[in-house]
Amino acid sequence: MIVILFRSKLTDAAGEDYAAMNADLAQNVRSMPGFVDVKSFKAEDGERLTLVWWRDRESLEQWRHDMRHMEAKKLGRQKWYQYYKIEVAEIYRQSNFDRQAAAASVAGSEIKS
């Protein structure tokens, strides 16, 4: 799995046109093969962090070359972003815990006993 860390800060010029493009891309990316999830956060100083997970490098490459995404990148550099930084990382290990799933598993094993 691949994860993108996209840190950015918007300019004052990022108005309704930015919001519309962002909403369009958010919808479009969810329909791309290999897309897993996206989460966004905003810090007190205005910096934003968007995390995007992809199944593999090939899926990410398709997104990178998507025409609408390329248009958004161009407009972003021209007027919407004060700065951005993109980091691409490959997940080499993963673990997780889900309290509800664990409780359901325990409850299910107690019923079978």
N, C-alpha and C. Protein backbone atom coordinates (compact mmCIF):
# COMPACT_ATOMS: atom_id res chain seq x y z
N MET A 1 0.85 -1.18 0.00
CA MET A 1 0.00 0.00 0.00
C MET A 1 0.89 1.23 0.00
N ILE A 2 0.38 2.29 -0.62
CA ILE A 2 1.08 3.57 -0.73
C ILE A 2 0.25 4.62 0.02
N VAL A 3 0.94 5.51 0.73
CA VAL A 3 0.24 6.62 1.39
C VAL A 3 0.91 7.93 0.96
N ILE A 4 0.07 8.91 0.66
CA ILE A 4 0.52 10.25 0.28
C ILE A 4 0.27 11.17 1.47
N LEU A 5 1.29 11.92 1.84
CA LEU A 5 1.16 12.96 2.86
C LEU A 5 1.27 14.29 2.13
N PHE A 6 0.16 15.00 2.06
CA PHE A 6 0.09 16.26 1.32
C PHE A 6 -0.10 17.40 2.32
N ARG A 7 0.97 18.14 2.58
CA ARG A 7 0.92 19.29 3.49
C ARG A 7 0.81 20.55 2.65
N SER A 8 -0.07 21.46 3.05
CA SER A 8 -0.26 22.66 2.25
C SER A 8 -0.81 23.81 3.08
N LYS A 9 -0.64 24.98 2.52
CA LYS A 9 -1.26 26.18 3.09
C LYS A 9 -1.84 26.97 1.92
N LEU A 10 -3.11 27.38 2.05
CA LEU A 10 -3.79 28.08 0.98
C LEU A 10 -3.49 29.57 0.99
N THR A 11 -3.60 30.19 -0.18
CA THR A 11 -3.51 31.64 -0.29
C THR A 11 -4.90 32.23 -0.07
N ASP A 12 -4.97 33.53 0.02
CA ASP A 12 -6.27 34.21 0.14
C ASP A 12 -7.08 34.08 -1.15
N ALA A 13 -6.43 33.74 -2.26
CA ALA A 13 -7.12 33.60 -3.55
C ALA A 13 -7.87 32.27 -3.67
N ALA A 14 -7.67 31.38 -2.71
CA ALA A 14 -8.35 30.07 -2.76
C ALA A 14 -9.77 30.25 -2.22
N GLY A 15 -10.68 30.56 -3.11
CA GLY A 15 -12.06 30.83 -2.73
C GLY A 15 -13.01 29.76 -3.21
N GLU A 16 -14.14 30.20 -3.75
CA GLU A 16 -15.18 29.27 -4.20
C GLU A 16 -14.70 28.37 -5.33
N ASP A 17 -13.83 28.90 -6.20
CA ASP A 17 -13.32 28.07 -7.29
C ASP A 17 -12.47 26.92 -6.75
N TYR A 18 -11.68 27.20 -5.72
CA TYR A 18 -10.89 26.14 -5.08
C TYR A 18 -11.81 25.11 -4.42
N ALA A 19 -12.80 25.59 -3.68
CA ALA A 19 -13.72 24.69 -2.99
C ALA A 19 -14.46 23.78 -3.98
N ALA A 20 -14.87 24.34 -5.11
CA ALA A 20 -15.56 23.55 -6.12
C ALA A 20 -14.64 22.49 -6.72
N MET A 21 -13.41 22.88 -7.04
CA MET A 21 -12.45 21.93 -7.60
C MET A 21 -12.13 20.84 -6.57
N ASN A 22 -11.94 21.23 -5.34
CA ASN A 22 -11.63 20.28 -4.27
C ASN A 22 -12.76 19.25 -4.11
N ALA A 23 -14.00 19.71 -4.15
CA ALA A 23 -15.15 18.81 -4.02
C ALA A 23 -15.23 17.88 -5.23
N ASP A 24 -14.96 18.41 -6.42
CA ASP A 24 -14.99 17.60 -7.64
C ASP A 24 -13.91 16.52 -7.59
N LEU A 25 -12.70 16.89 -7.19
CA LEU A 25 -11.61 15.92 -7.11
C LEU A 25 -11.87 14.88 -6.03
N ALA A 26 -12.43 15.30 -4.90
CA ALA A 26 -12.74 14.36 -3.82
C ALA A 26 -13.71 13.28 -4.29
N GLN A 27 -14.67 13.68 -5.09
CA GLN A 27 -15.63 12.72 -5.64
C GLN A 27 -14.96 11.83 -6.68
N ASN A 28 -14.17 12.44 -7.55
CA ASN A 28 -13.51 11.72 -8.63
C ASN A 28 -12.51 10.68 -8.10
N VAL A 29 -11.71 11.07 -7.11
CA VAL A 29 -10.67 10.16 -6.61
C VAL A 29 -11.29 8.90 -6.01
N ARG A 30 -12.46 9.04 -5.41
CA ARG A 30 -13.12 7.88 -4.79
C ARG A 30 -13.56 6.84 -5.82
N SER A 31 -13.68 7.25 -7.07
CA SER A 31 -14.08 6.31 -8.12
C SER A 31 -12.88 5.68 -8.83
N MET A 32 -11.69 6.09 -8.48
CA MET A 32 -10.49 5.57 -9.14
C MET A 32 -10.17 4.17 -8.65
N PRO A 33 -9.83 3.26 -9.56
CA PRO A 33 -9.40 1.92 -9.14
C PRO A 33 -8.15 2.02 -8.27
N GLY A 34 -8.14 1.30 -7.17
CA GLY A 34 -6.98 1.30 -6.29
C GLY A 34 -7.02 2.33 -5.17
N PHE A 35 -7.98 3.26 -5.23
CA PHE A 35 -8.13 4.24 -4.14
C PHE A 35 -8.63 3.50 -2.91
N VAL A 36 -8.03 3.81 -1.74
CA VAL A 36 -8.42 3.16 -0.49
C VAL A 36 -9.17 4.13 0.42
N ASP A 37 -8.57 5.27 0.74
CA ASP A 37 -9.20 6.21 1.67
C ASP A 37 -8.48 7.55 1.62
N VAL A 38 -9.13 8.58 2.17
CA VAL A 38 -8.53 9.91 2.29
C VAL A 38 -9.04 10.54 3.58
N LYS A 39 -8.17 11.24 4.27
CA LYS A 39 -8.51 11.98 5.50
C LYS A 39 -7.78 13.32 5.44
N SER A 40 -8.44 14.38 5.91
CA SER A 40 -7.83 15.70 5.91
C SER A 40 -7.93 16.34 7.29
N PHE A 41 -6.90 17.11 7.64
CA PHE A 41 -6.82 17.78 8.94
C PHE A 41 -6.27 19.18 8.72
N LYS A 42 -6.64 20.09 9.64
CA LYS A 42 -6.15 21.47 9.54
C LYS A 42 -5.60 21.89 10.90
N ALA A 43 -4.38 22.42 10.89
CA ALA A 43 -3.71 22.88 12.11
C ALA A 43 -4.14 24.31 12.44
N GLU A 44 -3.85 24.73 13.65
CA GLU A 44 -4.22 26.07 14.09
C GLU A 44 -3.57 27.16 13.25
N ASP A 45 -2.37 26.91 12.72
CA ASP A 45 -1.67 27.92 11.91
C ASP A 45 -2.14 27.94 10.46
N GLY A 46 -3.14 27.12 10.13
CA GLY A 46 -3.70 27.11 8.78
C GLY A 46 -3.12 26.04 7.88
N GLU A 47 -2.03 25.39 8.32
CA GLU A 47 -1.49 24.32 7.49
C GLU A 47 -2.46 23.15 7.49
N ARG A 48 -2.56 22.53 6.33
CA ARG A 48 -3.48 21.40 6.16
C ARG A 48 -2.66 20.14 5.87
N LEU A 49 -3.17 19.02 6.32
CA LEU A 49 -2.56 17.73 6.02
C LEU A 49 -3.63 16.82 5.46
N THR A 50 -3.39 16.31 4.27
CA THR A 50 -4.28 15.35 3.65
C THR A 50 -3.51 14.05 3.46
N LEU A 51 -4.08 12.97 3.95
CA LEU A 51 -3.49 11.64 3.80
C LEU A 51 -4.34 10.87 2.80
N VAL A 52 -3.69 10.27 1.82
CA VAL A 52 -4.41 9.50 0.80
C VAL A 52 -3.74 8.14 0.69
N TRP A 53 -4.54 7.09 0.81
CA TRP A 53 -4.03 5.73 0.71
C TRP A 53 -4.41 5.13 -0.64
N TRP A 54 -3.45 4.45 -1.25
CA TRP A 54 -3.63 3.78 -2.54
C TRP A 54 -3.21 2.32 -2.40
N ARG A 55 -3.87 1.46 -3.15
CA ARG A 55 -3.57 0.04 -3.12
C ARG A 55 -2.14 -0.25 -3.56
N ASP A 56 -1.67 0.47 -4.59
CA ASP A 56 -0.34 0.19 -5.15
C ASP A 56 0.15 1.39 -5.96
N ARG A 57 1.38 1.30 -6.42
CA ARG A 57 1.99 2.38 -7.18
C ARG A 57 1.27 2.63 -8.50
N GLU A 58 0.83 1.58 -9.15
CA GLU A 58 0.16 1.72 -10.43
C GLU A 58 -1.12 2.56 -10.29
N SER A 59 -1.87 2.32 -9.23
CA SER A 59 -3.10 3.09 -8.98
C SER A 59 -2.77 4.57 -8.78
N LEU A 60 -1.75 4.82 -8.00
CA LEU A 60 -1.32 6.20 -7.75
C LEU A 60 -0.90 6.87 -9.05
N GLU A 61 -0.16 6.16 -9.89
CA GLU A 61 0.28 6.74 -11.17
C GLU A 61 -0.90 7.11 -12.05
N GLN A 62 -1.94 6.29 -12.05
CA GLN A 62 -3.14 6.63 -12.82
C GLN A 62 -3.74 7.94 -12.32
N TRP A 63 -3.80 8.11 -11.01
CA TRP A 63 -4.33 9.34 -10.43
C TRP A 63 -3.43 10.54 -10.77
N ARG A 64 -2.13 10.34 -10.70
CA ARG A 64 -1.21 11.44 -11.00
C ARG A 64 -1.40 11.97 -12.41
N HIS A 65 -1.81 11.09 -13.33
CA HIS A 65 -1.95 11.49 -14.73
C HIS A 65 -3.40 11.74 -15.14
N ASP A 66 -4.31 11.74 -14.18
CA ASP A 66 -5.70 12.07 -14.45
C ASP A 66 -5.78 13.53 -14.90
N MET A 67 -6.48 13.79 -16.00
CA MET A 67 -6.51 15.14 -16.59
C MET A 67 -7.06 16.20 -15.63
N ARG A 68 -8.14 15.88 -14.93
CA ARG A 68 -8.73 16.85 -14.00
C ARG A 68 -7.76 17.12 -12.84
N HIS A 69 -7.10 16.10 -12.36
CA HIS A 69 -6.12 16.26 -11.29
C HIS A 69 -4.94 17.11 -11.77
N MET A 70 -4.50 16.89 -12.99
CA MET A 70 -3.39 17.69 -13.53
C MET A 70 -3.79 19.17 -13.67
N GLU A 71 -5.02 19.40 -14.06
CA GLU A 71 -5.53 20.78 -14.15
C GLU A 71 -5.54 21.43 -12.77
N ALA A 72 -5.98 20.69 -11.76
CA ALA A 72 -6.02 21.22 -10.39
C ALA A 72 -4.62 21.53 -9.88
N LYS A 73 -3.65 20.67 -10.19
CA LYS A 73 -2.26 20.93 -9.76
C LYS A 73 -1.74 22.23 -10.37
N LYS A 74 -2.05 22.44 -11.64
CA LYS A 74 -1.60 23.66 -12.32
C LYS A 74 -2.22 24.90 -11.67
N LEU A 75 -3.53 24.86 -11.45
CA LEU A 75 -4.21 26.00 -10.81
C LEU A 75 -3.72 26.20 -9.38
N GLY A 76 -3.44 25.12 -8.70
CA GLY A 76 -2.92 25.21 -7.33
C GLY A 76 -1.62 25.98 -7.28
N ARG A 77 -0.70 25.67 -8.18
CA ARG A 77 0.58 26.38 -8.22
C ARG A 77 0.40 27.83 -8.66
N GLN A 78 -0.55 28.07 -9.56
CA GLN A 78 -0.77 29.43 -10.06
C GLN A 78 -1.38 30.35 -9.01
N LYS A 79 -2.36 29.83 -8.21
CA LYS A 79 -3.04 30.78 -7.33
C LYS A 79 -3.52 30.24 -5.99
N TRP A 80 -3.74 28.95 -5.81
CA TRP A 80 -4.40 28.49 -4.59
C TRP A 80 -3.46 28.18 -3.43
N TYR A 81 -2.24 27.76 -3.72
CA TYR A 81 -1.35 27.33 -2.64
C TYR A 81 -0.24 28.33 -2.36
N GLN A 82 -0.10 28.67 -1.08
CA GLN A 82 1.06 29.43 -0.64
C GLN A 82 2.26 28.49 -0.72
N TYR A 83 2.06 27.25 -0.32
CA TYR A 83 3.06 26.20 -0.49
C TYR A 83 2.39 24.85 -0.35
N TYR A 84 3.07 23.85 -0.83
CA TYR A 84 2.67 22.47 -0.54
C TYR A 84 3.89 21.58 -0.56
N LYS A 85 3.78 20.48 0.11
CA LYS A 85 4.85 19.48 0.17
C LYS A 85 4.16 18.12 0.08
N ILE A 86 4.64 17.29 -0.83
CA ILE A 86 4.07 15.96 -1.01
C ILE A 86 5.13 14.92 -0.67
N GLU A 87 4.77 13.99 0.18
CA GLU A 87 5.63 12.87 0.51
C GLU A 87 4.88 11.59 0.16
N VAL A 88 5.57 10.67 -0.49
CA VAL A 88 4.98 9.40 -0.90
C VAL A 88 5.71 8.31 -0.14
N ALA A 89 4.94 7.49 0.56
CA ALA A 89 5.54 6.43 1.37
C ALA A 89 4.89 5.09 1.06
N GLU A 90 5.69 4.06 1.15
CA GLU A 90 5.19 2.71 0.95
C GLU A 90 5.04 2.06 2.32
N ILE A 91 3.88 1.50 2.59
CA ILE A 91 3.62 0.84 3.86
C ILE A 91 4.33 -0.52 3.85
N TYR A 92 5.23 -0.73 4.78
CA TYR A 92 5.93 -2.00 4.83
C TYR A 92 5.45 -2.89 5.97
N ARG A 93 4.68 -2.31 6.90
CA ARG A 93 4.10 -3.09 7.99
C ARG A 93 2.83 -2.40 8.41
N GLN A 94 1.86 -3.19 8.83
CA GLN A 94 0.59 -2.63 9.25
C GLN A 94 0.03 -3.50 10.37
N SER A 95 -0.52 -2.88 11.38
CA SER A 95 -1.25 -3.60 12.42
C SER A 95 -2.43 -2.74 12.82
N ASN A 96 -3.45 -3.35 13.40
CA ASN A 96 -4.60 -2.56 13.81
C ASN A 96 -5.33 -3.23 14.96
N PHE A 97 -6.19 -2.47 15.58
CA PHE A 97 -7.01 -2.92 16.68
C PHE A 97 -8.35 -2.22 16.56
N ASP A 98 -9.42 -2.94 16.76
CA ASP A 98 -10.77 -2.39 16.73
C ASP A 98 -11.52 -2.93 17.93
N ARG A 99 -11.82 -2.06 18.88
CA ARG A 99 -12.46 -2.47 20.13
C ARG A 99 -13.78 -3.19 19.88
N GLN A 100 -14.60 -2.67 18.96
CA GLN A 100 -15.90 -3.30 18.68
C GLN A 100 -15.72 -4.69 18.10
N ALA A 101 -14.81 -4.83 17.15
CA ALA A 101 -14.58 -6.15 16.54
C ALA A 101 -14.06 -7.14 17.57
N ALA A 102 -13.16 -6.67 18.43
CA ALA A 102 -12.60 -7.55 19.47
C ALA A 102 -13.70 -7.97 20.45
N ALA A 103 -14.57 -7.03 20.83
CA ALA A 103 -15.66 -7.35 21.76
C ALA A 103 -16.64 -8.32 21.11
N ALA A 104 -16.94 -8.13 19.84
CA ALA A 104 -17.85 -9.02 19.13
C ALA A 104 -17.26 -10.42 19.02
N SER A 105 -15.98 -10.49 18.81
CA SER A 105 -15.30 -11.79 18.70
C SER A 105 -15.36 -12.54 20.03
N VAL A 106 -15.12 -11.83 21.12
CA VAL A 106 -15.18 -12.44 22.45
C VAL A 106 -16.61 -12.87 22.75
N ALA A 107 -17.57 -12.00 22.44
CA ALA A 107 -18.99 -12.32 22.69
C ALA A 107 -19.41 -13.53 21.87
N GLY A 108 -18.95 -13.61 20.62
CA GLY A 108 -19.29 -14.74 19.77
C GLY A 108 -18.70 -16.04 20.28
N SER A 109 -17.48 -15.98 20.81
CA SER A 109 -16.87 -17.22 21.33
C SER A 109 -17.53 -17.66 22.64
N GLU A 110 -18.04 -16.72 23.42
CA GLU A 110 -18.74 -17.08 24.67
C GLU A 110 -20.06 -17.75 24.37
N ILE A 111 -20.73 -17.33 23.30
CA ILE A 111 -22.03 -17.92 22.93
C ILE A 111 -21.84 -19.37 22.48
N LYS A 112 -20.75 -19.64 21.76
CA LYS A 112 -20.48 -20.98 21.24
C LYS A 112 -20.08 -21.97 22.33
N SER A 113 -19.61 -21.47 23.46
CA SER A 113 -19.12 -22.36 24.54
C SER A 113 -20.20 -23.16 25.17
